[in-house]
PDB file of N, CA and C in Angstrom:
ATOM      1  N   MET A   1      42.173 -44.583 -18.209  1.00  0.00           N
ATOM      2  CA  MET A   1      42.367 -45.699 -17.750  1.00  0.00           C
ATOM      3  C   MET A   1      43.535 -46.466 -17.331  1.00  0.00           C
ATOM      4  N   ILE A   2      44.251 -46.116 -17.848  1.00  0.00           N
ATOM      5  CA  ILE A   2      45.464 -46.959 -17.340  1.00  0.00           C
ATOM      6  C   ILE A   2      46.284 -45.884 -15.816  1.00  0.00           C
ATOM      7  N   SER A   3      45.680 -44.781 -16.150  1.00  0.00           N
ATOM      8  CA  SER A   3      46.529 -43.819 -14.786  1.00  0.00           C
ATOM      9  C   SER A   3      45.760 -44.351 -13.906  1.00  0.00           C
ATOM     10  N   TYR A   4      44.446 -44.536 -13.738  1.00  0.00           N
ATOM     11  CA  TYR A   4      43.649 -45.290 -12.876  1.00  0.00           C
ATOM     12  C   TYR A   4      43.560 -46.841 -12.369  1.00  0.00           C
ATOM     13  N   THR A   5      44.312 -47.373 -12.578  1.00  0.00           N
ATOM     14  CA  THR A   5      44.812 -49.229 -12.539  1.00  0.00           C
ATOM     15  C   THR A   5      45.274 -48.935 -10.949  1.00  0.00           C
ATOM     16  N   SER A   6      45.724 -48.200 -10.150  1.00  0.00           N
ATOM     17  CA  SER A   6      45.940 -48.402  -9.214  1.00  0.00           C
ATOM     18  C   SER A   6      45.127 -48.324  -8.265  1.00  0.00           C
ATOM     19  N   GLU A   7      43.603 -47.945  -8.555  1.00  0.00           N
ATOM     20  CA  GLU A   7      42.176 -48.373  -7.652  1.00  0.00           C
ATOM     21  C   GLU A   7      41.980 -49.258  -8.218  1.00  0.00           C
ATOM     22  N   ALA A   8      42.055 -50.439  -9.069  1.00  0.00           N
ATOM     23  CA  ALA A   8      41.398 -51.213  -9.382  1.00  0.00           C
ATOM     24  C   ALA A   8      40.749 -52.306  -8.237  1.00  0.00           C
ATOM     25  N   ALA A   9      41.390 -51.847  -7.247  1.00  0.00           N
ATOM     26  CA  ALA A   9      40.558 -52.616  -6.174  1.00  0.00           C
ATOM     27  C   ALA A   9      39.120 -52.055  -5.566  1.00  0.00           C
ATOM     28  N   VAL A  10      39.199 -50.689  -5.900  1.00  0.00           N
ATOM     29  CA  VAL A  10      37.951 -49.813  -5.588  1.00  0.00           C
ATOM     30  C   VAL A  10      37.232 -49.518  -6.623  1.00  0.00           C
ATOM     31  N   ILE A  11      37.694 -49.743  -8.036  1.00  0.00           N
ATOM     32  CA  ILE A  11      36.856 -49.675  -8.855  1.00  0.00           C
ATOM     33  C   ILE A  11      35.996 -50.732  -9.636  1.00  0.00           C
ATOM     34  N   GLY A  12      36.918 -51.879  -9.445  1.00  0.00           N
ATOM     35  CA  GLY A  12      35.982 -53.092  -9.665  1.00  0.00           C
ATOM     36  C   GLY A  12      36.790 -53.839 -11.050  1.00  0.00           C
ATOM     37  N   LYS A  13      36.743 -55.048 -10.594  1.00  0.00           N
ATOM     38  CA  LYS A  13      37.179 -55.741 -12.190  1.00  0.00           C
ATOM     39  C   LYS A  13      36.733 -55.816 -12.988  1.00  0.00           C
ATOM     40  N   TYR A  14      35.049 -55.024 -13.269  1.00  0.00           N
ATOM     41  CA  TYR A  14      34.258 -54.700 -14.354  1.00  0.00           C
ATOM     42  C   TYR A  14      34.914 -53.672 -15.175  1.00  0.00           C
ATOM     43  N   VAL A  15      35.846 -52.540 -14.456  1.00  0.00           N
ATOM     44  CA  VAL A  15      36.436 -51.842 -15.411  1.00  0.00           C
ATOM     45  C   VAL A  15      37.428 -52.187 -16.085  1.00  0.00           C
ATOM     46  N   LEU A  16      38.343 -53.426 -15.396  1.00  0.00           N
ATOM     47  CA  LEU A  16      39.340 -53.638 -16.649  1.00  0.00           C
ATOM     48  C   LEU A  16      38.941 -54.492 -17.657  1.00  0.00           C
ATOM     49  N   THR A  17      37.832 -55.663 -16.996  1.00  0.00           N
ATOM     50  CA  THR A  17      37.099 -56.312 -18.380  1.00  0.00           C
ATOM     51  C   THR A  17      36.584 -55.418 -19.436  1.00  0.00           C
ATOM     52  N   TYR A  18      36.085 -54.584 -19.151  1.00  0.00           N
ATOM     53  CA  TYR A  18      35.880 -53.467 -19.973  1.00  0.00           C
ATOM     54  C   TYR A  18      37.374 -52.481 -20.854  1.00  0.00           C
ATOM     55  N   PHE A  19      37.982 -52.371 -20.068  1.00  0.00           N
ATOM     56  CA  PHE A  19      39.215 -52.509 -21.015  1.00  0.00           C
ATOM     57  C   PHE A  19      39.935 -53.743 -21.701  1.00  0.00           C
ATOM     58  N   GLU A  20      40.038 -54.501 -20.915  1.00  0.00           N
ATOM     59  CA  GLU A  20      40.562 -55.612 -22.291  1.00  0.00           C
ATOM     60  C   GLU A  20      39.581 -56.020 -23.212  1.00  0.00           C
ATOM     61  N   ALA A  21      38.042 -55.504 -23.420  1.00  0.00           N
ATOM     62  CA  ALA A  21      37.293 -55.577 -24.136  1.00  0.00           C
ATOM     63  C   ALA A  21      37.467 -54.602 -25.382  1.00  0.00           C
ATOM     64  N   PHE A  22      37.864 -53.122 -24.834  1.00  0.00           N
ATOM     65  CA  PHE A  22      38.105 -52.314 -25.304  1.00  0.00           C
ATOM     66  C   PHE A  22      39.401 -52.491 -26.308  1.00  0.00           C
ATOM     67  N   LEU A  23      40.541 -53.060 -25.516  1.00  0.00           N
ATOM     68  CA  LEU A  23      41.852 -53.461 -26.155  1.00  0.00           C
ATOM     69  C   LEU A  23      41.424 -54.570 -27.244  1.00  0.00           C
ATOM     70  N   ARG A  24      40.738 -55.393 -27.290  1.00  0.00           N
ATOM     71  CA  ARG A  24      40.231 -56.328 -27.732  1.00  0.00           C
ATOM     72  C   ARG A  24      39.766 -56.040 -29.123  1.00  0.00           C
ATOM     73  N   LYS A  25      39.006 -55.000 -29.334  1.00  0.00           N
ATOM     74  CA  LYS A  25      38.054 -54.546 -29.864  1.00  0.00           C
ATOM     75  C   LYS A  25      38.920 -53.365 -31.059  1.00  0.00           C
ATOM     76  N   LEU A  26      39.573 -52.667 -30.242  1.00  0.00           N
ATOM     77  CA  LEU A  26      40.868 -51.931 -30.662  1.00  0.00           C
ATOM     78  C   LEU A  26      41.924 -52.838 -31.943  1.00  0.00           C
ATOM     79  N   TRP A  27      41.956 -54.107 -31.228  1.00  0.00           N
ATOM     80  CA  TRP A  27      43.235 -54.996 -32.184  1.00  0.00           C
ATOM     81  C   TRP A  27      42.460 -55.517 -33.584  1.00  0.00           C
ATOM     82  N   THR A  28      40.954 -55.474 -33.139  1.00  0.00           N
ATOM     83  CA  THR A  28      40.292 -56.533 -34.546  1.00  0.00           C
ATOM     84  C   THR A  28      40.215 -54.968 -35.822  1.00  0.00           C
ATOM     85  N   ALA A  29      40.115 -53.656 -35.072  1.00  0.00           N
ATOM     86  CA  ALA A  29      39.651 -52.682 -35.732  1.00  0.00           C
ATOM     87  C   ALA A  29      40.893 -52.390 -36.388  1.00  0.00           C
ATOM     88  N   VAL A  30      42.315 -52.535 -36.122  1.00  0.00           N
ATOM     89  CA  VAL A  30      43.263 -52.107 -36.978  1.00  0.00           C
ATOM     90  C   VAL A  30      44.273 -53.355 -37.729  1.00  0.00           C
ATOM     91  N   GLU A  31      42.939 -54.114 -37.859  1.00  0.00           N
ATOM     92  CA  GLU A  31      43.134 -55.679 -38.642  1.00  0.00           C
ATOM     93  C   GLU A  31      44.549 -56.341 -37.738  1.00  0.00           C
ATOM     94  N   SER A  32      44.745 -56.531 -36.511  1.00  0.00           N
ATOM     95  CA  SER A  32      45.869 -57.244 -36.325  1.00  0.00           C
ATOM     96  C   SER A  32      47.027 -56.831 -36.200  1.00  0.00           C
ATOM     97  N   LYS A  33      47.193 -55.200 -36.740  1.00  0.00           N
ATOM     98  CA  LYS A  33      48.358 -54.503 -36.886  1.00  0.00           C
ATOM     99  C   LYS A  33      49.376 -54.325 -35.782  1.00  0.00           C
ATOM    100  N   PRO A  34      49.907 -54.897 -34.575  1.00  0.00           N
ATOM    101  CA  PRO A  34      50.470 -54.756 -33.506  1.00  0.00           C
ATOM    102  C   PRO A  34      51.059 -52.628 -33.518  1.00  0.00           C
ATOM    103  N   GLU A  35      51.862 -52.227 -34.688  1.00  0.00           N
ATOM    104  CA  GLU A  35      52.461 -51.228 -34.556  1.00  0.00           C
ATOM    105  C   GLU A  35      50.795 -50.124 -34.398  1.00  0.00           C
ATOM    106  N   LEU A  36      50.104 -50.132 -35.115  1.00  0.00           N
ATOM    107  CA  LEU A  36      48.665 -49.361 -34.933  1.00  0.00           C
ATOM    108  C   LEU A  36      48.316 -49.938 -33.728  1.00  0.00           C
ATOM    109  N   TRP A  37      48.253 -50.927 -33.143  1.00  0.00           N
ATOM    110  CA  TRP A  37      47.549 -50.625 -31.795  1.00  0.00           C
ATOM    111  C   TRP A  37      48.327 -50.233 -30.769  1.00  0.00           C
ATOM    112  N   TYR A  38      49.285 -50.543 -30.853  1.00  0.00           N
ATOM    113  CA  TYR A  38      50.281 -50.096 -29.767  1.00  0.00           C
ATOM    114  C   TYR A  38      50.226 -48.350 -30.043  1.00  0.00           C
ATOM    115  N   ALA A  39      50.190 -47.974 -31.019  1.00  0.00           N
ATOM    116  CA  ALA A  39      49.736 -46.607 -31.206  1.00  0.00           C
ATOM    117  C   ALA A  39      49.137 -45.692 -30.248  1.00  0.00           C
ATOM    118  N   PHE A  40      47.769 -45.864 -29.740  1.00  0.00           N
ATOM    119  CA  PHE A  40      46.754 -45.873 -29.106  1.00  0.00           C
ATOM    120  C   PHE A  40      47.188 -46.049 -27.945  1.00  0.00           C
ATOM    121  N   TRP A  41      48.008 -46.823 -27.296  1.00  0.00           N
ATOM    122  CA  TRP A  41      48.291 -46.892 -25.772  1.00  0.00           C
ATOM    123  C   TRP A  41      48.973 -47.107 -25.447  1.00  0.00           C
ATOM    124  N   ILE A  42      50.526 -47.176 -26.017  1.00  0.00           N
ATOM    125  CA  ILE A  42      51.495 -47.440 -25.561  1.00  0.00           C
ATOM    126  C   ILE A  42      52.369 -46.163 -24.687  1.00  0.00           C
ATOM    127  N   LYS A  43      52.070 -44.571 -25.370  1.00  0.00           N
ATOM    128  CA  LYS A  43      52.676 -43.694 -24.633  1.00  0.00           C
ATOM    129  C   LYS A  43      51.977 -43.555 -23.477  1.00  0.00           C
ATOM    130  N   ASP A  44      50.832 -43.717 -23.145  1.00  0.00           N
ATOM    131  CA  ASP A  44      50.158 -43.803 -21.562  1.00  0.00           C
ATOM    132  C   ASP A  44      50.839 -44.925 -20.784  1.00  0.00           C
ATOM    133  N   TYR A  45      50.869 -45.785 -21.311  1.00  0.00           N
ATOM    134  CA  TYR A  45      51.445 -47.000 -20.328  1.00  0.00           C
ATOM    135  C   TYR A  45      53.076 -46.615 -20.063  1.00  0.00           C
ATOM    136  N   LEU A  46      53.679 -46.214 -21.122  1.00  0.00           N
ATOM    137  CA  LEU A  46      55.192 -46.152 -20.399  1.00  0.00           C
ATOM    138  C   LEU A  46      55.121 -44.622 -19.579  1.00  0.00           C
ATOM    139  N   ALA A  47      53.965 -43.769 -19.667  1.00  0.00           N
ATOM    140  CA  ALA A  47      54.014 -42.805 -18.344  1.00  0.00           C
ATOM    141  C   ALA A  47      53.946 -43.291 -17.432  1.00  0.00           C
ATOM    142  N   ALA A  48      52.849 -43.942 -17.263  1.00  0.00           N
ATOM    143  CA  ALA A  48      52.729 -44.713 -16.159  1.00  0.00           C
ATOM    144  C   ALA A  48      53.677 -45.549 -15.791  1.00  0.00           C
ATOM    145  N   ILE A  49      54.506 -46.233 -16.177  1.00  0.00           N
ATOM    146  CA  ILE A  49      55.574 -46.894 -15.707  1.00  0.00           C
ATOM    147  C   ILE A  49      56.690 -46.473 -15.061  1.00  0.00           C
ATOM    148  N   ARG A  50      56.422 -44.921 -15.646  1.00  0.00           N
ATOM    149  CA  ARG A  50      57.848 -43.808 -15.310  1.00  0.00           C
ATOM    150  C   ARG A  50      57.257 -43.093 -14.273  1.00  0.00           C
ATOM    151  N   SER A  51      56.429 -43.514 -13.867  1.00  0.00           N
ATOM    152  CA  SER A  51      56.019 -42.474 -12.730  1.00  0.00           C
ATOM    153  C   SER A  51      56.338 -42.806 -11.647  1.00  0.00           C
ATOM    154  N   GLY A  52      56.312 -41.724 -10.523  1.00  0.00           N
ATOM    155  CA  GLY A  52      57.234 -42.009  -9.333  1.00  0.00           C
ATOM    156  C   GLY A  52      56.007 -42.815  -8.591  1.00  0.00           C
ATOM    157  N   ASP A  53      54.880 -42.920  -8.655  1.00  0.00           N
ATOM    158  CA  ASP A  53      54.260 -43.600  -7.856  1.00  0.00           C
ATOM    159  C   ASP A  53      54.113 -45.321  -7.845  1.00  0.00           C
ATOM    160  N   GLU A  54      54.999 -45.430  -7.313  1.00  0.00           N
ATOM    161  CA  GLU A  54      55.079 -47.196  -6.954  1.00  0.00           C
ATOM    162  C   GLU A  54      54.136 -47.932  -7.238  1.00  0.00           C
ATOM    163  N   SER A  55      53.167 -47.634  -6.555  1.00  0.00           N
ATOM    164  CA  SER A  55      51.438 -48.088  -6.710  1.00  0.00           C
ATOM    165  C   SER A  55      50.918 -48.273  -8.084  1.00  0.00           C
ATOM    166  N   LEU A  56      51.438 -47.427  -8.636  1.00  0.00           N
ATOM    167  CA  LEU A  56      51.155 -47.393  -9.873  1.00  0.00           C
ATOM    168  C   LEU A  56      51.495 -48.237 -11.198  1.00  0.00           C
ATOM    169  N   ARG A  57      53.139 -48.331 -10.714  1.00  0.00           N
ATOM    170  CA  ARG A  57      53.551 -48.945 -11.621  1.00  0.00           C
ATOM    171  C   ARG A  57      53.316 -50.326 -11.195  1.00  0.00           C
ATOM    172  N   ALA A  58      52.939 -50.804 -10.260  1.00  0.00           N
ATOM    173  CA  ALA A  58      52.617 -52.260  -9.932  1.00  0.00           C
ATOM    174  C   ALA A  58      51.353 -52.480 -10.402  1.00  0.00           C
ATOM    175  N   SER A  59      50.140 -51.810 -10.115  1.00  0.00           N
ATOM    176  CA  SER A  59      48.845 -51.951 -10.742  1.00  0.00           C
ATOM    177  C   SER A  59      48.889 -51.953 -12.272  1.00  0.00           C
ATOM    178  N   VAL A  60      49.966 -50.732 -12.801  1.00  0.00           N
ATOM    179  CA  VAL A  60      49.554 -51.230 -14.273  1.00  0.00           C
ATOM    180  C   VAL A  60      50.360 -52.823 -14.847  1.00  0.00           C
ATOM    181  N   CYS A  61      51.758 -52.974 -14.254  1.00  0.00           N
ATOM    182  CA  CYS A  61      51.953 -54.432 -14.071  1.00  0.00           C
ATOM    183  C   CYS A  61      50.981 -55.729 -14.051  1.00  0.00           C
ATOM    184  N   THR A  62      50.535 -55.687 -13.125  1.00  0.00           N
ATOM    185  CA  THR A  62      49.579 -56.480 -12.770  1.00  0.00           C
ATOM    186  C   THR A  62      48.175 -56.488 -13.414  1.00  0.00           C
ATOM    187  N   PHE A  63      47.557 -55.519 -13.518  1.00  0.00           N
ATOM    188  CA  PHE A  63      46.577 -55.675 -14.155  1.00  0.00           C
ATOM    189  C   PHE A  63      46.696 -55.415 -15.947  1.00  0.00           C
ATOM    190  N   VAL A  64      47.300 -54.631 -16.223  1.00  0.00           N
ATOM    191  CA  VAL A  64      47.093 -54.095 -17.761  1.00  0.00           C
ATOM    192  C   VAL A  64      47.985 -55.112 -19.211  1.00  0.00           C
ATOM    193  N   THR A  65      49.401 -55.156 -18.273  1.00  0.00           N
ATOM    194  CA  THR A  65      50.455 -55.833 -18.867  1.00  0.00           C
ATOM    195  C   THR A  65      50.120 -57.383 -19.189  1.00  0.00           C
ATOM    196  N   PRO A  66      49.127 -57.949 -18.339  1.00  0.00           N
ATOM    197  CA  PRO A  66      48.559 -59.393 -18.496  1.00  0.00           C
ATOM    198  C   PRO A  66      47.729 -59.183 -19.807  1.00  0.00           C
ATOM    199  N   ILE A  67      46.644 -57.987 -19.939  1.00  0.00           N
ATOM    200  CA  ILE A  67      45.890 -57.994 -20.771  1.00  0.00           C
ATOM    201  C   ILE A  67      46.082 -57.882 -22.165  1.00  0.00           C
ATOM    202  N   VAL A  68      47.290 -57.015 -22.533  1.00  0.00           N
ATOM    203  CA  VAL A  68      47.923 -56.761 -23.341  1.00  0.00           C
ATOM    204  C   VAL A  68      48.898 -57.698 -24.087  1.00  0.00           C
ATOM    205  N   ILE A  69      49.418 -58.596 -23.110  1.00  0.00           N
ATOM    206  CA  ILE A  69      49.944 -60.223 -23.169  1.00  0.00           C
ATOM    207  C   ILE A  69      48.801 -60.881 -23.743  1.00  0.00           C
ATOM    208  N   LYS A  70      47.494 -60.960 -23.426  1.00  0.00           N
ATOM    209  CA  LYS A  70      46.274 -62.037 -23.732  1.00  0.00           C
ATOM    210  C   LYS A  70      45.989 -61.797 -24.839  1.00  0.00           C
ATOM    211  N   ILE A  71      46.355 -60.541 -25.284  1.00  0.00           N
ATOM    212  CA  ILE A  71      45.588 -60.020 -26.972  1.00  0.00           C
ATOM    213  C   ILE A  71      46.594 -60.178 -27.724  1.00  0.00           C
ATOM    214  N   HIS A  72      47.982 -59.940 -27.539  1.00  0.00           N
ATOM    215  CA  HIS A  72      49.342 -60.010 -28.579  1.00  0.00           C
ATOM    216  C   HIS A  72      50.409 -60.466 -27.583  1.00  0.00           C
ATOM    217  N   LYS A  73      51.272 -61.629 -27.708  1.00  0.00           N
ATOM    218  CA  LYS A  73      51.703 -62.280 -27.057  1.00  0.00           C
ATOM    219  C   LYS A  73      53.089 -61.310 -27.122  1.00  0.00           C
ATOM    220  N   MET A  74      53.655 -60.483 -28.354  1.00  0.00           N
ATOM    221  CA  MET A  74      54.659 -60.055 -28.060  1.00  0.00           C
ATOM    222  C   MET A  74      54.641 -58.686 -27.546  1.00  0.00           C
ATOM    223  N   SER A  75      53.439 -58.380 -26.811  1.00  0.00           N
ATOM    224  CA  SER A  75      53.374 -57.172 -26.258  1.00  0.00           C
ATOM    225  C   SER A  75      54.453 -56.899 -25.072  1.00  0.00           C
ATOM    226  N   LEU A  76      55.067 -57.942 -24.476  1.00  0.00           N
ATOM    227  CA  LEU A  76      55.638 -57.393 -23.543  1.00  0.00           C
ATOM    228  C   LEU A  76      57.173 -57.135 -24.036  1.00  0.00           C
ATOM    229  N   ALA A  77      57.665 -57.669 -25.015  1.00  0.00           N
ATOM    230  CA  ALA A  77      58.837 -57.579 -25.678  1.00  0.00           C
ATOM    231  C   ALA A  77      59.054 -56.312 -26.231  1.00  0.00           C
ATOM    232  N   TYR A  78      57.663 -55.651 -26.676  1.00  0.00           N
ATOM    233  CA  TYR A  78      57.631 -54.504 -27.440  1.00  0.00           C
ATOM    234  C   TYR A  78      57.882 -53.139 -26.420  1.00  0.00           C
ATOM    235  N   ILE A  79      56.964 -53.372 -25.240  1.00  0.00           N
ATOM    236  CA  ILE A  79      56.794 -52.937 -24.098  1.00  0.00           C
ATOM    237  C   ILE A  79      58.092 -52.200 -23.446  1.00  0.00           C
ATOM    238  N   LEU A  80      59.206 -53.633 -23.846  1.00  0.00           N
ATOM    239  CA  LEU A  80      60.444 -53.690 -22.793  1.00  0.00           C
ATOM    240  C   LEU A  80      61.587 -52.671 -23.623  1.00  0.00           C
ATOM    241  N   SER A  81      61.068 -53.020 -25.046  1.00  0.00           N
ATOM    242  CA  SER A  81      62.475 -52.593 -26.341  1.00  0.00           C
ATOM    243  C   SER A  81      62.101 -51.344 -26.107  1.00  0.00           C
ATOM    244  N   LYS A  82      60.496 -50.616 -26.026  1.00  0.00           N
ATOM    245  CA  LYS A  82      60.378 -49.029 -25.896  1.00  0.00           C
ATOM    246  C   LYS A  82      60.997 -48.452 -24.717  1.00  0.00           C
ATOM    247  N   PHE A  83      60.828 -48.774 -23.690  1.00  0.00           N
ATOM    248  CA  PHE A  83      61.001 -48.528 -22.630  1.00  0.00           C
ATOM    249  C   PHE A  83      62.698 -48.484 -22.472  1.00  0.00           C
ATOM    250  N   LEU A  84      63.292 -49.071 -23.221  1.00  0.00           N
ATOM    251  CA  LEU A  84      64.643 -49.308 -22.814  1.00  0.00           C
ATOM    252  C   LEU A  84      65.508 -48.475 -23.636  1.00  0.00           C
ATOM    253  N   GLN A  85      64.571 -48.090 -24.937  1.00  0.00           N
ATOM    254  CA  GLN A  85      65.182 -47.006 -26.156  1.00  0.00           C
ATOM    255  C   GLN A  85      64.728 -45.782 -25.540  1.00  0.00           C
ATOM    256  N   GLU A  86      63.583 -45.415 -24.578  1.00  0.00           N
ATOM    257  CA  GLU A  86      64.086 -44.458 -24.107  1.00  0.00           C
ATOM    258  C   GLU A  86      64.514 -44.367 -22.850  1.00  0.00           C
ATOM    259  N   HIS A  87      65.250 -45.346 -22.042  1.00  0.00           N
ATOM    260  CA  HIS A  87      65.693 -45.530 -20.855  1.00  0.00           C
ATOM    261  C   HIS A  87      67.079 -45.168 -21.625  1.00  0.00           C
ATOM    262  N   LYS A  88      67.733 -45.493 -22.480  1.00  0.00           N
ATOM    263  CA  LYS A  88      68.859 -45.336 -23.248  1.00  0.00           C
ATOM    264  C   LYS A  88      69.268 -43.521 -23.378  1.00  0.00           C
ATOM    265  N   ASN A  89      68.056 -43.011 -23.635  1.00  0.00           N
ATOM    266  CA  ASN A  89      68.079 -41.601 -24.119  1.00  0.00           C
ATOM    267  C   ASN A  89      68.080 -40.457 -23.042  1.00  0.00           C
ATOM    268  N   ILE A  90      67.322 -41.077 -21.654  1.00  0.00           N
ATOM    269  CA  ILE A  90      67.713 -40.235 -20.645  1.00  0.00           C
ATOM    270  C   ILE A  90      68.936 -39.926 -20.449  1.00  0.00           C
ATOM    271  N   GLU A  91      69.096 -38.646 -20.093  1.00  0.00           N
ATOM    272  CA  GLU A  91      70.773 -38.380 -19.630  1.00  0.00           C
ATOM    273  C   GLU A  91      71.402 -38.595 -18.122  1.00  0.00           C
ATOM    274  N   LEU A  92      70.270 -38.093 -17.369  1.00  0.00           N
ATOM    275  CA  LEU A  92      70.524 -38.413 -16.160  1.00  0.00           C
ATOM    276  C   LEU A  92      69.415 -39.718 -15.420  1.00  0.00           C
ATOM    277  N   LYS A  93      70.294 -40.281 -15.066  1.00  0.00           N
ATOM    278  CA  LYS A  93      69.325 -41.697 -14.693  1.00  0.00           C
ATOM    279  C   LYS A  93      69.106 -41.624 -13.367  1.00  0.00           C
ATOM    280  N   SER A  94      68.048 -41.640 -12.908  1.00  0.00           N
ATOM    281  CA  SER A  94      67.812 -41.474 -11.497  1.00  0.00           C
ATOM    282  C   SER A  94      66.926 -43.202 -10.837  1.00  0.00           C
ATOM    283  N   VAL A  95      67.484 -42.867  -9.699  1.00  0.00           N
ATOM    284  CA  VAL A  95      66.587 -44.001  -9.137  1.00  0.00           C
ATOM    285  C   VAL A  95      65.223 -44.613  -9.671  1.00  0.00           C
ATOM    286  N   ASP A  96      64.249 -43.604  -9.471  1.00  0.00           N
ATOM    287  CA  ASP A  96      62.970 -43.820 -10.350  1.00  0.00           C
ATOM    288  C   ASP A  96      62.910 -44.031 -11.382  1.00  0.00           C
ATOM    289  N   SER A  97      63.959 -44.166 -12.198  1.00  0.00           N
ATOM    290  CA  SER A  97      63.890 -44.379 -13.793  1.00  0.00           C
ATOM    291  C   SER A  97      64.279 -46.156 -13.559  1.00  0.00           C
ATOM    292  N   LEU A  98      65.438 -46.477 -12.562  1.00  0.00           N
ATOM    293  CA  LEU A  98      65.769 -47.340 -12.658  1.00  0.00           C
ATOM    294  C   LEU A  98      64.719 -48.925 -11.763  1.00  0.00           C
ATOM    295  N   ALA A  99      63.904 -48.069 -10.672  1.00  0.00           N
ATOM    296  CA  ALA A  99      62.844 -48.392 -10.348  1.00  0.00           C
ATOM    297  C   ALA A  99      61.713 -49.302 -11.510  1.00  0.00           C
ATOM    298  N   SER A 100      61.371 -48.121 -12.297  1.00  0.00           N
ATOM    299  CA  SER A 100      60.389 -48.588 -13.442  1.00  0.00           C
ATOM    300  C   SER A 100      61.385 -49.790 -14.539  1.00  0.00           C
ATOM    301  N   LEU A 101      62.603 -49.592 -14.421  1.00  0.00           N
ATOM    302  CA  LEU A 101      63.007 -50.676 -14.964  1.00  0.00           C
ATOM    303  C   LEU A 101      62.911 -52.004 -14.523  1.00  0.00           C
ATOM    304  N   MET A 102      62.931 -51.639 -13.297  1.00  0.00           N
ATOM    305  CA  MET A 102      63.209 -53.152 -12.346  1.00  0.00           C
ATOM    306  C   MET A 102      61.526 -53.770 -12.477  1.00  0.00           C
ATOM    307  N   THR A 103      60.768 -52.675 -12.523  1.00  0.00           N
ATOM    308  CA  THR A 103      59.186 -53.067 -12.076  1.00  0.00           C
ATOM    309  C   THR A 103      58.833 -53.874 -13.357  1.00  0.00           C
ATOM    310  N   LEU A 104      59.161 -53.446 -14.797  1.00  0.00           N
ATOM    311  CA  LEU A 104      59.402 -53.969 -15.886  1.00  0.00           C
ATOM    312  C   LEU A 104      59.875 -55.498 -15.984  1.00  0.00           C
ATOM    313  N   LEU A 105      61.036 -55.198 -15.877  1.00  0.00           N
ATOM    314  CA  LEU A 105      61.639 -56.512 -15.754  1.00  0.00           C
ATOM    315  C   LEU A 105      61.470 -57.990 -14.588  1.00  0.00           C
ATOM    316  N   LYS A 106      60.513 -57.397 -13.220  1.00  0.00           N
ATOM    317  CA  LYS A 106      60.043 -58.150 -12.581  1.00  0.00           C
ATOM    318  C   LYS A 106      58.509 -58.904 -13.046  1.00  0.00           C
ATOM    319  N   VAL A 107      58.261 -58.664 -13.959  1.00  0.00           N
ATOM    320  CA  VAL A 107      57.055 -58.824 -14.912  1.00  0.00           C
ATOM    321  C   VAL A 107      57.152 -59.957 -16.078  1.00  0.00           C
ATOM    322  N   ALA A 108      58.971 -59.171 -16.978  1.00  0.00           N
ATOM    323  CA  ALA A 108      59.052 -60.308 -17.783  1.00  0.00           C
ATOM    324  C   ALA A 108      59.548 -61.836 -17.252  1.00  0.00           C
ATOM    325  N   ARG A 109      60.164 -61.277 -16.182  1.00  0.00           N
ATOM    326  CA  ARG A 109      60.420 -62.836 -15.701  1.00  0.00           C
ATOM    327  C   ARG A 109      59.541 -63.437 -15.211  1.00  0.00           C
TER     328      ARG A 109
END
């Protein structure tokens, strides 16, 4: 679902509503333990943010990030820390990796 957020205008708001309900149920299922909750979706989220597709990055930040922040307020801080941790380990920093970082920082602002 995360990888298709760039088509949110086409697939409709109801899909995002379903996705939010799913993440809320997952939050309840893991008994509000953030680390367990993040384990289910953080890799896909970071892959979408690292994507070379600008529309996908913007859509993930526009649609998915507000959902996860509503569920757990510290989600953005966790996302930024994971992204920056991985960003430090990249030997060849490209313009695409900086564009991903800028997209995340724009949301954090």
